[in-house]
Amino acid sequence: MTRVPLAVDGVPPVDLTAKPPPGQHLQLATSWGPLRLHVRETPGPAADAGTAVHLHGLAGSSTNWTDLAALLSVRLRSIAVDLPGFGRTEPPPGFPCTREANAEAVVALLAQLPGPVHLSGNSFGAAVAVEVAAQRPDLVATLTLISPAMPDLRLDPRRLSDPRIALAMVPVLGARTRRQLATVTAAERAAQLMRLCFADPGVVPPHRFAEAVAEFEERERLPWAGPALGRTTVELVRSWLVPPARSLWRRLPEISAPTLVVWGAEDRVVSVRKAPRTALLVPRGKLLVLPRTGHVAQMERPRIVARALLGLVDSAARC
C-alpha cells in the first residue's frame, strides 16, 4: 500500500454549475429478466477516450457524480449508473437487492462497453465495484473506492441515510414508521442526508441542494423506490454478518486492477479507521485520506478526487 500525494497532474477549470446530463435507459439481460438500467453519460474529449463508470451509494443516484464526471471529461467519458431500485432504474421482479445481484447488473453493462473501464464506486456502490473487479478483472482497468461500505458491526444508526427506512420494512412496526416518513418533506430529507454525508454541509451549492430536493420529490412518486432502499439496506447489513470466508474483506485480495482507496477523515457513515486495512488488502492498492471530508468525497472534494483518479489512470498506463 502506498499513499497518494495530492499534487497530481492538474485538472483544467471546469464549470461545476451545469445540470446533471440527461439520462437514458439501456436494456440489459440478467438472471432476473430484462433490466432497463438508467445511466447518465458525460462525453469525453474525443470518441476514442477511455470510459469511467461510476456507482453510487445507498439513497444516492447517478447525479452524485455530476461534478466529478465534468472534471474527468477533459480526459475520460463518464457513465454514471442508477443501480437497480435507485434513481430511475426500476428493479426487475424478484431482484434480491444484494451486492452480488447489483454486481451482475454492472457486469452486464460493462460487457457492452469498449475495452476495460475505470470503475469507481462510493459506499454501497464501492462494495459492488469490489465484487465486479474481483469477478471480472478483464472488464476493469482501474478501480477507485470512495468510503467503501466494508463490514462494520458497530451499532451506529448514523450510517443509514435515515434509520427509519430499514425499520419501515419490519412487520407491525413498519406501518407506523412509514406513516412517520410520509410527514417528512423532501427538503428535510435532503438536508438530513447532507448533514450525515458531508463534513461541512455548507459547501453544498444552492443549485445542487435544489436538485437533491427535486430528486427526493421524484423518488416519492416511484412506488418501488422506498422498498428497494429498505431491502438493499437490510441486505447490506446482512452481508456483514456472513462467515469470514464469505466476507467482502476476502474479496479485496482478489482484485488485480490498480486501486485507489479514498476516505474522508470525518466520515460519519463508515469509519476512516477501516481505510488502511482496506487499501492494504488490495494487492495494488493506494490510499488517499482527505481532511475535512465526509462520506461522499466525490461530491465534497470533486477536484481533488478527479486529480487523484486521473493520476491513477496515468500510473496504470505506464505499467
C-alpha atoms as a PDB file:
ATOM      1  CA  MET A   1       0.000   0.000   0.000  1.00  0.00           C
ATOM      2  CA  THR A   2       1.247   3.488  -0.851  1.00  0.00           C
ATOM      3  CA  ARG A   3      -0.198   6.878  -0.030  1.00  0.00           C
ATOM      4  CA  VAL A   4      -1.164   9.159  -2.912  1.00  0.00           C
ATOM      5  CA  PRO A   5       0.140  12.743  -2.848  1.00  0.00           C
ATOM      6  CA  LEU A   6      -2.396  15.465  -3.565  1.00  0.00           C
ATOM      7  CA  ALA A   7      -0.123  17.102  -6.151  1.00  0.00           C
ATOM      8  CA  VAL A   8      -1.195  15.006  -9.132  1.00  0.00           C
ATOM      9  CA  ASP A   9      -1.402  16.456 -12.657  1.00  0.00           C
ATOM     10  CA  GLY A  10      -3.812  19.398 -12.517  1.00  0.00           C
ATOM     11  CA  VAL A  11      -7.332  19.407 -13.891  1.00  0.00           C
ATOM     12  CA  PRO A  12      -8.244  22.444 -16.034  1.00  0.00           C
ATOM     13  CA  PRO A  13     -11.035  24.705 -14.723  1.00  0.00           C
ATOM     14  CA  VAL A  14     -14.451  23.210 -15.397  1.00  0.00           C
ATOM     15  CA  ASP A  15     -17.888  24.745 -14.893  1.00  0.00           C
ATOM     16  CA  LEU A  16     -19.476  22.939 -11.931  1.00  0.00           C
ATOM     17  CA  THR A  17     -22.817  24.710 -12.160  1.00  0.00           C
ATOM     18  CA  ALA A  18     -24.144  22.643 -15.058  1.00  0.00           C
ATOM     19  CA  LYS A  19     -27.176  20.443 -14.510  1.00  0.00           C
ATOM     20  CA  PRO A  20     -26.763  16.645 -14.466  1.00  0.00           C
ATOM     21  CA  PRO A  21     -26.582  15.281 -18.018  1.00  0.00           C
ATOM     22  CA  PRO A  22     -29.816  13.849 -19.412  1.00  0.00           C
ATOM     23  CA  GLY A  23     -30.237  10.153 -18.834  1.00  0.00           C
ATOM     24  CA  GLN A  24     -31.123   7.181 -20.964  1.00  0.00           C
ATOM     25  CA  HIS A  25     -32.221   3.613 -20.334  1.00  0.00           C
ATOM     26  CA  LEU A  26     -30.089   0.711 -21.544  1.00  0.00           C
ATOM     27  CA  GLN A  27     -31.646  -2.703 -21.990  1.00  0.00           C
ATOM     28  CA  LEU A  28     -29.651  -5.437 -20.225  1.00  0.00           C
ATOM     29  CA  ALA A  29     -30.223  -9.151 -19.768  1.00  0.00           C
ATOM     30  CA  THR A  30     -29.908 -10.513 -16.226  1.00  0.00           C
ATOM     31  CA  SER A  31     -30.783 -13.738 -14.468  1.00  0.00           C
ATOM     32  CA  TRP A  32     -33.920 -11.963 -13.152  1.00  0.00           C
ATOM     33  CA  GLY A  33     -35.028 -11.000 -16.645  1.00  0.00           C
ATOM     34  CA  PRO A  34     -34.704  -7.782 -18.644  1.00  0.00           C
ATOM     35  CA  LEU A  35     -33.343  -4.744 -16.798  1.00  0.00           C
ATOM     36  CA  ARG A  36     -33.793  -1.164 -18.030  1.00  0.00           C
ATOM     37  CA  LEU A  37     -30.728   0.420 -16.470  1.00  0.00           C
ATOM     38  CA  HIS A  38     -30.813   4.204 -16.286  1.00  0.00           C
ATOM     39  CA  VAL A  39     -27.468   5.930 -16.855  1.00  0.00           C
ATOM     40  CA  ARG A  40     -26.199   9.483 -17.360  1.00  0.00           C
ATOM     41  CA  GLU A  41     -23.347   9.986 -19.807  1.00  0.00           C
ATOM     42  CA  THR A  42     -20.825  12.833 -19.769  1.00  0.00           C
ATOM     43  CA  PRO A  43     -18.863  12.842 -23.055  1.00  0.00           C
ATOM     44  CA  GLY A  44     -15.082  12.775 -23.087  1.00  0.00           C
ATOM     45  CA  PRO A  45     -12.774  14.910 -25.229  1.00  0.00           C
ATOM     46  CA  ALA A  46     -12.899  12.503 -28.189  1.00  0.00           C
ATOM     47  CA  ALA A  47     -14.825   9.492 -29.413  1.00  0.00           C
ATOM     48  CA  ASP A  48     -11.944   7.172 -28.533  1.00  0.00           C
ATOM     49  CA  ALA A  49     -11.462   8.500 -24.983  1.00  0.00           C
ATOM     50  CA  GLY A  50     -11.368   5.982 -22.177  1.00  0.00           C
ATOM     51  CA  THR A  51     -14.519   5.281 -20.190  1.00  0.00           C
ATOM     52  CA  ALA A  52     -15.143   5.782 -16.481  1.00  0.00           C
ATOM     53  CA  VAL A  53     -18.152   4.110 -14.843  1.00  0.00           C
ATOM     54  CA  HIS A  54     -19.489   5.369 -11.503  1.00  0.00           C
ATOM     55  CA  LEU A  55     -21.644   3.568  -8.893  1.00  0.00           C
ATOM     56  CA  HIS A  56     -23.462   5.497  -6.141  1.00  0.00           C
ATOM     57  CA  GLY A  57     -24.196   4.548  -2.548  1.00  0.00           C
ATOM     58  CA  LEU A  58     -27.389   3.932  -0.563  1.00  0.00           C
ATOM     59  CA  ALA A  59     -30.018   6.662  -1.012  1.00  0.00           C
ATOM     60  CA  GLY A  60     -27.881   8.010  -3.875  1.00  0.00           C
ATOM     61  CA  SER A  61     -28.148   8.038  -7.636  1.00  0.00           C
ATOM     62  CA  SER A  62     -26.233   8.808 -10.818  1.00  0.00           C
ATOM     63  CA  THR A  63     -26.452  12.544 -10.015  1.00  0.00           C
ATOM     64  CA  ASN A  64     -23.933  12.016  -7.190  1.00  0.00           C
ATOM     65  CA  TRP A  65     -21.218  12.022  -9.869  1.00  0.00           C
ATOM     66  CA  THR A  66     -22.196  15.136 -11.844  1.00  0.00           C
ATOM     67  CA  ASP A  67     -19.282  17.335 -10.777  1.00  0.00           C
ATOM     68  CA  LEU A  68     -16.647  14.607 -10.825  1.00  0.00           C
ATOM     69  CA  ALA A  69     -17.739  13.466 -14.287  1.00  0.00           C
ATOM     70  CA  ALA A  70     -17.497  17.059 -15.545  1.00  0.00           C
ATOM     71  CA  LEU A  71     -13.949  17.335 -14.216  1.00  0.00           C
ATOM     72  CA  LEU A  72     -12.942  13.996 -15.727  1.00  0.00           C
ATOM     73  CA  SER A  73     -14.388  14.948 -19.115  1.00  0.00           C
ATOM     74  CA  VAL A  74     -11.107  16.589 -20.111  1.00  0.00           C
ATOM     75  CA  ARG A  75      -9.715  13.053 -20.344  1.00  0.00           C
ATOM     76  CA  LEU A  76     -12.480  10.477 -19.958  1.00  0.00           C
ATOM     77  CA  ARG A  77     -16.047   9.738 -20.941  1.00  0.00           C
ATOM     78  CA  SER A  78     -18.157   9.033 -17.842  1.00  0.00           C
ATOM     79  CA  ILE A  79     -21.198   6.813 -17.378  1.00  0.00           C
ATOM     80  CA  ALA A  80     -22.929   7.273 -14.025  1.00  0.00           C
ATOM     81  CA  VAL A  81     -25.297   4.441 -13.153  1.00  0.00           C
ATOM     82  CA  ASP A  82     -28.590   4.307 -11.278  1.00  0.00           C
ATOM     83  CA  LEU A  83     -28.304   0.913  -9.595  1.00  0.00           C
ATOM     84  CA  PRO A  84     -31.487  -1.238  -9.570  1.00  0.00           C
ATOM     85  CA  GLY A  85     -34.038   0.332  -7.235  1.00  0.00           C
ATOM     86  CA  PHE A  86     -32.356   3.755  -7.219  1.00  0.00           C
ATOM     87  CA  GLY A  87     -32.668   6.870  -9.335  1.00  0.00           C
ATOM     88  CA  ARG A  88     -34.722   5.940 -12.375  1.00  0.00           C
ATOM     89  CA  THR A  89     -33.840   2.242 -12.579  1.00  0.00           C
ATOM     90  CA  GLU A  90     -36.789   0.086 -11.605  1.00  0.00           C
ATOM     91  CA  PRO A  91     -35.630  -3.274 -10.198  1.00  0.00           C
ATOM     92  CA  PRO A  92     -36.864  -6.301 -12.130  1.00  0.00           C
ATOM     93  CA  PRO A  93     -39.338  -8.593 -10.351  1.00  0.00           C
ATOM     94  CA  GLY A  94     -37.584 -10.802  -7.818  1.00  0.00           C
ATOM     95  CA  PHE A  95     -34.410  -8.729  -7.750  1.00  0.00           C
ATOM     96  CA  PRO A  96     -32.723  -9.653  -4.431  1.00  0.00           C
ATOM     97  CA  CYS A  97     -31.017  -6.243  -3.848  1.00  0.00           C
ATOM     98  CA  THR A  98     -27.747  -7.869  -2.774  1.00  0.00           C
ATOM     99  CA  ARG A  99     -24.210  -6.765  -3.559  1.00  0.00           C
ATOM    100  CA  GLU A 100     -23.799  -9.758  -5.852  1.00  0.00           C
ATOM    101  CA  ALA A 101     -27.038  -9.053  -7.744  1.00  0.00           C
ATOM    102  CA  ASN A 102     -26.043  -5.446  -8.319  1.00  0.00           C
ATOM    103  CA  ALA A 103     -22.623  -6.624  -9.491  1.00  0.00           C
ATOM    104  CA  GLU A 104     -24.292  -8.848 -12.082  1.00  0.00           C
ATOM    105  CA  ALA A 105     -26.171  -5.828 -13.458  1.00  0.00           C
ATOM    106  CA  VAL A 106     -22.952  -3.788 -13.628  1.00  0.00           C
ATOM    107  CA  VAL A 107     -21.077  -6.619 -15.353  1.00  0.00           C
ATOM    108  CA  ALA A 108     -23.852  -6.775 -17.955  1.00  0.00           C
ATOM    109  CA  LEU A 109     -23.324  -3.062 -18.589  1.00  0.00           C
ATOM    110  CA  LEU A 110     -19.521  -3.241 -18.747  1.00  0.00           C
ATOM    111  CA  ALA A 111     -19.685  -6.133 -21.189  1.00  0.00           C
ATOM    112  CA  GLN A 112     -21.373  -3.764 -23.662  1.00  0.00           C
ATOM    113  CA  LEU A 113     -18.717  -1.056 -23.361  1.00  0.00           C
ATOM    114  CA  PRO A 114     -15.488  -0.853 -25.382  1.00  0.00           C
ATOM    115  CA  GLY A 115     -12.401  -2.031 -23.512  1.00  0.00           C
ATOM    116  CA  PRO A 116     -11.872  -2.255 -19.756  1.00  0.00           C
ATOM    117  CA  VAL A 117     -13.227   0.755 -17.856  1.00  0.00           C
ATOM    118  CA  HIS A 118     -12.069   2.924 -14.987  1.00  0.00           C
ATOM    119  CA  LEU A 119     -14.591   1.818 -12.368  1.00  0.00           C
ATOM    120  CA  SER A 120     -15.393   3.881  -9.300  1.00  0.00           C
ATOM    121  CA  GLY A 121     -17.917   3.477  -6.504  1.00  0.00           C
ATOM    122  CA  ASN A 122     -18.996   5.189  -3.321  1.00  0.00           C
ATOM    123  CA  SER A 123     -20.179   3.393  -0.164  1.00  0.00           C
ATOM    124  CA  PHE A 124     -22.513   0.552  -1.222  1.00  0.00           C
ATOM    125  CA  GLY A 125     -21.564   1.246  -4.841  1.00  0.00           C
ATOM    126  CA  ALA A 126     -17.917   0.729  -3.898  1.00  0.00           C
ATOM    127  CA  ALA A 127     -18.811  -2.630  -2.360  1.00  0.00           C
ATOM    128  CA  VAL A 128     -20.485  -3.554  -5.655  1.00  0.00           C
ATOM    129  CA  ALA A 129     -17.399  -2.338  -7.532  1.00  0.00           C
ATOM    130  CA  VAL A 130     -15.182  -4.621  -5.410  1.00  0.00           C
ATOM    131  CA  GLU A 131     -17.377  -7.564  -6.371  1.00  0.00           C
ATOM    132  CA  VAL A 132     -17.223  -6.628 -10.064  1.00  0.00           C
ATOM    133  CA  ALA A 133     -13.438  -6.172 -10.068  1.00  0.00           C
ATOM    134  CA  ALA A 134     -12.909  -9.478  -8.259  1.00  0.00           C
ATOM    135  CA  GLN A 135     -15.250 -11.418 -10.549  1.00  0.00           C
ATOM    136  CA  ARG A 136     -14.307  -9.845 -13.891  1.00  0.00           C
ATOM    137  CA  PRO A 137     -10.789  -8.378 -13.862  1.00  0.00           C
ATOM    138  CA  ASP A 138     -10.897  -8.273 -17.659  1.00  0.00           C
ATOM    139  CA  LEU A 139     -13.529  -5.528 -17.509  1.00  0.00           C
ATOM    140  CA  VAL A 140     -11.762  -3.198 -15.048  1.00  0.00           C
ATOM    141  CA  ALA A 141      -8.660  -1.142 -15.933  1.00  0.00           C
ATOM    142  CA  THR A 142      -8.525   0.792 -12.655  1.00  0.00           C
ATOM    143  CA  LEU A 143     -10.663   0.843  -9.526  1.00  0.00           C
ATOM    144  CA  THR A 144     -11.458   3.805  -7.262  1.00  0.00           C
ATOM    145  CA  LEU A 145     -13.221   3.053  -3.969  1.00  0.00           C
ATOM    146  CA  ILE A 146     -14.635   6.050  -2.110  1.00  0.00           C
ATOM    147  CA  SER A 147     -15.550   5.221   1.506  1.00  0.00           C
ATOM    148  CA  PRO A 148     -16.495   1.635   0.597  1.00  0.00           C
ATOM    149  CA  ALA A 149     -19.146   0.008   2.777  1.00  0.00           C
ATOM    150  CA  MET A 150     -16.794  -2.531   4.305  1.00  0.00           C
ATOM    151  CA  PRO A 151     -18.287  -4.739   7.041  1.00  0.00           C
ATOM    152  CA  ASP A 152     -18.740  -2.652  10.171  1.00  0.00           C
ATOM    153  CA  LEU A 153     -20.743  -4.083  13.068  1.00  0.00           C
ATOM    154  CA  ARG A 154     -20.610  -1.041  15.323  1.00  0.00           C
ATOM    155  CA  LEU A 155     -24.120  -0.182  16.475  1.00  0.00           C
ATOM    156  CA  ASP A 156     -24.189   3.271  14.932  1.00  0.00           C
ATOM    157  CA  PRO A 157     -27.527   4.192  13.285  1.00  0.00           C
ATOM    158  CA  ARG A 158     -25.957   7.275  11.685  1.00  0.00           C
ATOM    159  CA  ARG A 159     -24.559   5.131   8.893  1.00  0.00           C
ATOM    160  CA  LEU A 160     -28.042   4.789   7.393  1.00  0.00           C
ATOM    161  CA  SER A 161     -29.366   7.793   5.474  1.00  0.00           C
ATOM    162  CA  ASP A 162     -32.417   7.509   7.714  1.00  0.00           C
ATOM    163  CA  PRO A 163     -32.627   4.536  10.136  1.00  0.00           C
ATOM    164  CA  ARG A 164     -36.398   4.555   9.738  1.00  0.00           C
ATOM    165  CA  ILE A 165     -36.013   3.370   6.142  1.00  0.00           C
ATOM    166  CA  ALA A 166     -34.871  -0.053   7.326  1.00  0.00           C
ATOM    167  CA  LEU A 167     -37.358  -0.040  10.218  1.00  0.00           C
ATOM    168  CA  ALA A 168     -40.160   0.587   7.714  1.00  0.00           C
ATOM    169  CA  MET A 169     -39.561  -2.932   6.377  1.00  0.00           C
ATOM    170  CA  VAL A 170     -40.215  -4.571   9.764  1.00  0.00           C
ATOM    171  CA  PRO A 171     -43.650  -6.192  10.202  1.00  0.00           C
ATOM    172  CA  VAL A 172     -46.046  -4.381  12.595  1.00  0.00           C
ATOM    173  CA  LEU A 173     -43.547  -1.606  13.416  1.00  0.00           C
ATOM    174  CA  GLY A 174     -43.128  -0.826   9.747  1.00  0.00           C
ATOM    175  CA  ALA A 175     -46.618   0.609   9.190  1.00  0.00           C
ATOM    176  CA  ARG A 176     -46.186   3.236  11.901  1.00  0.00           C
ATOM    177  CA  THR A 177     -42.721   4.119  10.636  1.00  0.00           C
ATOM    178  CA  ARG A 178     -43.986   4.522   7.076  1.00  0.00           C
ATOM    179  CA  ARG A 179     -46.631   6.964   8.293  1.00  0.00           C
ATOM    180  CA  GLN A 180     -43.947   8.987  10.077  1.00  0.00           C
ATOM    181  CA  LEU A 181     -41.749   9.070   6.991  1.00  0.00           C
ATOM    182  CA  ALA A 182     -44.656  10.347   4.918  1.00  0.00           C
ATOM    183  CA  THR A 183     -44.736  13.520   7.026  1.00  0.00           C
ATOM    184  CA  VAL A 184     -41.085  14.414   6.332  1.00  0.00           C
ATOM    185  CA  THR A 185     -40.685  16.819   3.423  1.00  0.00           C
ATOM    186  CA  ALA A 186     -38.269  16.247   0.569  1.00  0.00           C
ATOM    187  CA  ALA A 187     -36.252  19.296   1.631  1.00  0.00           C
ATOM    188  CA  GLU A 188     -35.928  17.943   5.176  1.00  0.00           C
ATOM    189  CA  ARG A 189     -34.758  14.568   3.877  1.00  0.00           C
ATOM    190  CA  ALA A 190     -32.203  16.161   1.578  1.00  0.00           C
ATOM    191  CA  ALA A 191     -30.876  18.337   4.399  1.00  0.00           C
ATOM    192  CA  GLN A 192     -30.680  15.341   6.738  1.00  0.00           C
ATOM    193  CA  LEU A 193     -28.742  13.314   4.172  1.00  0.00           C
ATOM    194  CA  MET A 194     -26.257  16.128   3.601  1.00  0.00           C
ATOM    195  CA  ARG A 195     -25.717  16.641   7.338  1.00  0.00           C
ATOM    196  CA  LEU A 196     -24.853  12.966   7.562  1.00  0.00           C
ATOM    197  CA  CYS A 197     -22.687  12.593   4.468  1.00  0.00           C
ATOM    198  CA  PHE A 198     -20.784  15.888   4.289  1.00  0.00           C
ATOM    199  CA  ALA A 199     -18.217  17.036   6.832  1.00  0.00           C
ATOM    200  CA  ASP A 200     -19.407  20.560   6.064  1.00  0.00           C
ATOM    201  CA  PRO A 201     -22.912  20.678   4.519  1.00  0.00           C
ATOM    202  CA  GLY A 202     -22.307  24.368   3.894  1.00  0.00           C
ATOM    203  CA  VAL A 203     -20.147  23.517   0.882  1.00  0.00           C
ATOM    204  CA  VAL A 204     -23.205  22.215  -0.993  1.00  0.00           C
ATOM    205  CA  PRO A 205     -24.102  24.865  -3.589  1.00  0.00           C
ATOM    206  CA  PRO A 206     -27.760  26.001  -3.605  1.00  0.00           C
ATOM    207  CA  HIS A 207     -28.311  24.611  -7.102  1.00  0.00           C
ATOM    208  CA  ARG A 208     -27.113  21.145  -6.057  1.00  0.00           C
ATOM    209  CA  PHE A 209     -29.336  21.215  -2.957  1.00  0.00           C
ATOM    210  CA  ALA A 210     -32.325  22.178  -5.113  1.00  0.00           C
ATOM    211  CA  GLU A 211     -31.546  19.263  -7.432  1.00  0.00           C
ATOM    212  CA  ALA A 212     -31.397  16.899  -4.456  1.00  0.00           C
ATOM    213  CA  VAL A 213     -34.786  18.094  -3.217  1.00  0.00           C
ATOM    214  CA  ALA A 214     -36.312  17.615  -6.665  1.00  0.00           C
ATOM    215  CA  GLU A 215     -34.866  14.112  -6.787  1.00  0.00           C
ATOM    216  CA  PHE A 216     -36.371  13.238  -3.405  1.00  0.00           C
ATOM    217  CA  GLU A 217     -39.731  14.528  -4.650  1.00  0.00           C
ATOM    218  CA  GLU A 218     -39.444  12.376  -7.761  1.00  0.00           C
ATOM    219  CA  ARG A 219     -38.473   9.347  -5.668  1.00  0.00           C
ATOM    220  CA  GLU A 220     -41.607   9.730  -3.560  1.00  0.00           C
ATOM    221  CA  ARG A 221     -43.688   9.171  -6.709  1.00  0.00           C
ATOM    222  CA  LEU A 222     -41.925   5.894  -7.572  1.00  0.00           C
ATOM    223  CA  PRO A 223     -43.680   3.008  -5.774  1.00  0.00           C
ATOM    224  CA  TRP A 224     -40.589   0.775  -5.811  1.00  0.00           C
ATOM    225  CA  ALA A 225     -38.033   3.316  -4.570  1.00  0.00           C
ATOM    226  CA  GLY A 226     -38.707   3.137  -0.816  1.00  0.00           C
ATOM    227  CA  PRO A 227     -38.971  -0.667  -0.637  1.00  0.00           C
ATOM    228  CA  ALA A 228     -35.811  -1.074  -2.771  1.00  0.00           C
ATOM    229  CA  LEU A 229     -33.831   1.212  -0.450  1.00  0.00           C
ATOM    230  CA  GLY A 230     -35.072  -0.687   2.580  1.00  0.00           C
ATOM    231  CA  ARG A 231     -34.268  -4.103   1.113  1.00  0.00           C
ATOM    232  CA  THR A 232     -30.835  -3.014  -0.107  1.00  0.00           C
ATOM    233  CA  THR A 233     -30.037  -1.619   3.345  1.00  0.00           C
ATOM    234  CA  VAL A 234     -31.115  -4.852   5.005  1.00  0.00           C
ATOM    235  CA  GLU A 235     -29.091  -6.951   2.551  1.00  0.00           C
ATOM    236  CA  LEU A 236     -26.007  -4.796   3.111  1.00  0.00           C
ATOM    237  CA  VAL A 237     -26.158  -5.267   6.873  1.00  0.00           C
ATOM    238  CA  ARG A 238     -26.883  -8.975   6.390  1.00  0.00           C
ATOM    239  CA  SER A 239     -23.747  -9.273   4.244  1.00  0.00           C
ATOM    240  CA  TRP A 240     -21.709  -8.024   7.206  1.00  0.00           C
ATOM    241  CA  LEU A 241     -22.943 -10.985   9.275  1.00  0.00           C
ATOM    242  CA  VAL A 242     -21.802 -13.792   6.974  1.00  0.00           C
ATOM    243  CA  PRO A 243     -18.937 -16.132   7.948  1.00  0.00           C
ATOM    244  CA  PRO A 244     -15.446 -14.690   7.355  1.00  0.00           C
ATOM    245  CA  ALA A 245     -14.903 -16.893   4.303  1.00  0.00           C
ATOM    246  CA  ARG A 246     -17.757 -15.066   2.541  1.00  0.00           C
ATOM    247  CA  SER A 247     -16.929 -11.589   3.795  1.00  0.00           C
ATOM    248  CA  LEU A 248     -16.274  -8.651   1.493  1.00  0.00           C
ATOM    249  CA  TRP A 249     -12.852  -8.407   3.177  1.00  0.00           C
ATOM    250  CA  ARG A 250     -11.939 -11.693   1.432  1.00  0.00           C
ATOM    251  CA  ARG A 251     -12.743 -10.139  -1.947  1.00  0.00           C
ATOM    252  CA  LEU A 252     -10.142  -7.383  -1.691  1.00  0.00           C
ATOM    253  CA  PRO A 253      -7.046  -9.605  -2.231  1.00  0.00           C
ATOM    254  CA  GLU A 254      -8.697 -10.947  -5.411  1.00  0.00           C
ATOM    255  CA  ILE A 255      -8.582  -7.542  -7.102  1.00  0.00           C
ATOM    256  CA  SER A 256      -5.840  -7.270  -9.728  1.00  0.00           C
ATOM    257  CA  ALA A 257      -6.567  -3.759 -11.017  1.00  0.00           C
ATOM    258  CA  PRO A 258      -4.588  -0.755  -9.753  1.00  0.00           C
ATOM    259  CA  THR A 259      -6.816   0.579  -6.994  1.00  0.00           C
ATOM    260  CA  LEU A 260      -7.205   3.918  -5.232  1.00  0.00           C
ATOM    261  CA  VAL A 261      -8.990   3.931  -1.855  1.00  0.00           C
ATOM    262  CA  VAL A 262     -10.312   7.385  -0.951  1.00  0.00           C
ATOM    263  CA  TRP A 263     -11.691   8.130   2.510  1.00  0.00           C
ATOM    264  CA  GLY A 264     -12.886  11.251   4.271  1.00  0.00           C
ATOM    265  CA  ALA A 265     -11.215  11.785   7.638  1.00  0.00           C
ATOM    266  CA  GLU A 266     -14.598  12.904   9.046  1.00  0.00           C
ATOM    267  CA  ASP A 267     -16.720  10.134   7.540  1.00  0.00           C
ATOM    268  CA  ARG A 268     -19.670   9.554   9.901  1.00  0.00           C
ATOM    269  CA  VAL A 269     -21.083   6.616   7.938  1.00  0.00           C
ATOM    270  CA  VAL A 270     -18.138   4.215   7.539  1.00  0.00           C
ATOM    271  CA  SER A 271     -15.227   4.885   9.863  1.00  0.00           C
ATOM    272  CA  VAL A 272     -11.935   6.029   8.344  1.00  0.00           C
ATOM    273  CA  ARG A 273     -10.300   3.533  10.711  1.00  0.00           C
ATOM    274  CA  LYS A 274     -11.085   0.919   8.062  1.00  0.00           C
ATOM    275  CA  ALA A 275      -9.166   2.788   5.355  1.00  0.00           C
ATOM    276  CA  PRO A 276      -5.634   1.424   5.952  1.00  0.00           C
ATOM    277  CA  ARG A 277      -6.807  -2.191   6.154  1.00  0.00           C
ATOM    278  CA  THR A 278      -8.903  -1.789   3.003  1.00  0.00           C
ATOM    279  CA  ALA A 279      -6.030  -0.391   0.934  1.00  0.00           C
ATOM    280  CA  LEU A 280      -3.508  -2.826   2.395  1.00  0.00           C
ATOM    281  CA  LEU A 281      -5.547  -5.893   1.412  1.00  0.00           C
ATOM    282  CA  VAL A 282      -5.710  -4.849  -2.251  1.00  0.00           C
ATOM    283  CA  PRO A 283      -2.502  -6.056  -3.935  1.00  0.00           C
ATOM    284  CA  ARG A 284      -2.073  -2.836  -5.945  1.00  0.00           C
ATOM    285  CA  GLY A 285      -3.859  -0.546  -3.520  1.00  0.00           C
ATOM    286  CA  LYS A 286      -3.124   3.102  -2.754  1.00  0.00           C
ATOM    287  CA  LEU A 287      -4.696   5.197  -0.014  1.00  0.00           C
ATOM    288  CA  LEU A 288      -5.805   8.824  -0.023  1.00  0.00           C
ATOM    289  CA  VAL A 289      -7.325  10.191   3.203  1.00  0.00           C
ATOM    290  CA  LEU A 290      -8.852  13.658   2.817  1.00  0.00           C
ATOM    291  CA  PRO A 291      -9.084  16.011   5.793  1.00  0.00           C
ATOM    292  CA  ARG A 292     -12.306  17.950   6.450  1.00  0.00           C
ATOM    293  CA  THR A 293     -14.189  15.478   4.249  1.00  0.00           C
ATOM    294  CA  GLY A 294     -17.124  13.185   4.942  1.00  0.00           C
ATOM    295  CA  HIS A 295     -18.655  10.143   3.265  1.00  0.00           C
ATOM    296  CA  VAL A 296     -19.066  11.452  -0.302  1.00  0.00           C
ATOM    297  CA  ALA A 297     -15.648  12.791  -1.273  1.00  0.00           C
ATOM    298  CA  GLN A 298     -16.571  12.834  -4.976  1.00  0.00           C
ATOM    299  CA  MET A 299     -19.244  15.432  -4.140  1.00  0.00           C
ATOM    300  CA  GLU A 300     -17.496  17.326  -1.346  1.00  0.00           C
ATOM    301  CA  ARG A 301     -13.972  17.427  -2.881  1.00  0.00           C
ATOM    302  CA  PRO A 302     -14.529  16.663  -6.590  1.00  0.00           C
ATOM    303  CA  ARG A 303     -11.413  18.446  -7.850  1.00  0.00           C
ATOM    304  CA  ILE A 304      -9.073  16.554  -5.523  1.00  0.00           C
ATOM    305  CA  VAL A 305     -10.743  13.238  -6.308  1.00  0.00           C
ATOM    306  CA  ALA A 306     -10.561  13.972 -10.057  1.00  0.00           C
ATOM    307  CA  ARG A 307      -6.836  14.724  -9.867  1.00  0.00           C
ATOM    308  CA  ALA A 308      -6.189  11.561  -7.879  1.00  0.00           C
ATOM    309  CA  LEU A 309      -8.302   9.374 -10.176  1.00  0.00           C
ATOM    310  CA  LEU A 310      -6.565  10.718 -13.285  1.00  0.00           C
ATOM    311  CA  GLY A 311      -3.229  10.181 -11.562  1.00  0.00           C
ATOM    312  CA  LEU A 312      -4.218   6.535 -11.035  1.00  0.00           C
ATOM    313  CA  VAL A 313      -5.163   6.247 -14.713  1.00  0.00           C
ATOM    314  CA  ASP A 314      -1.792   7.692 -15.779  1.00  0.00           C
ATOM    315  CA  SER A 315       0.103   5.441 -13.383  1.00  0.00           C
ATOM    316  CA  ALA A 316      -1.711   2.343 -14.696  1.00  0.00           C
ATOM    317  CA  ALA A 317      -0.945   3.347 -18.286  1.00  0.00           C
ATOM    318  CA  ARG A 318       2.768   3.489 -17.515  1.00  0.00           C
ATOM    319  CA  CYS A 319       2.844  -0.019 -16.072  1.00  0.00           C
END
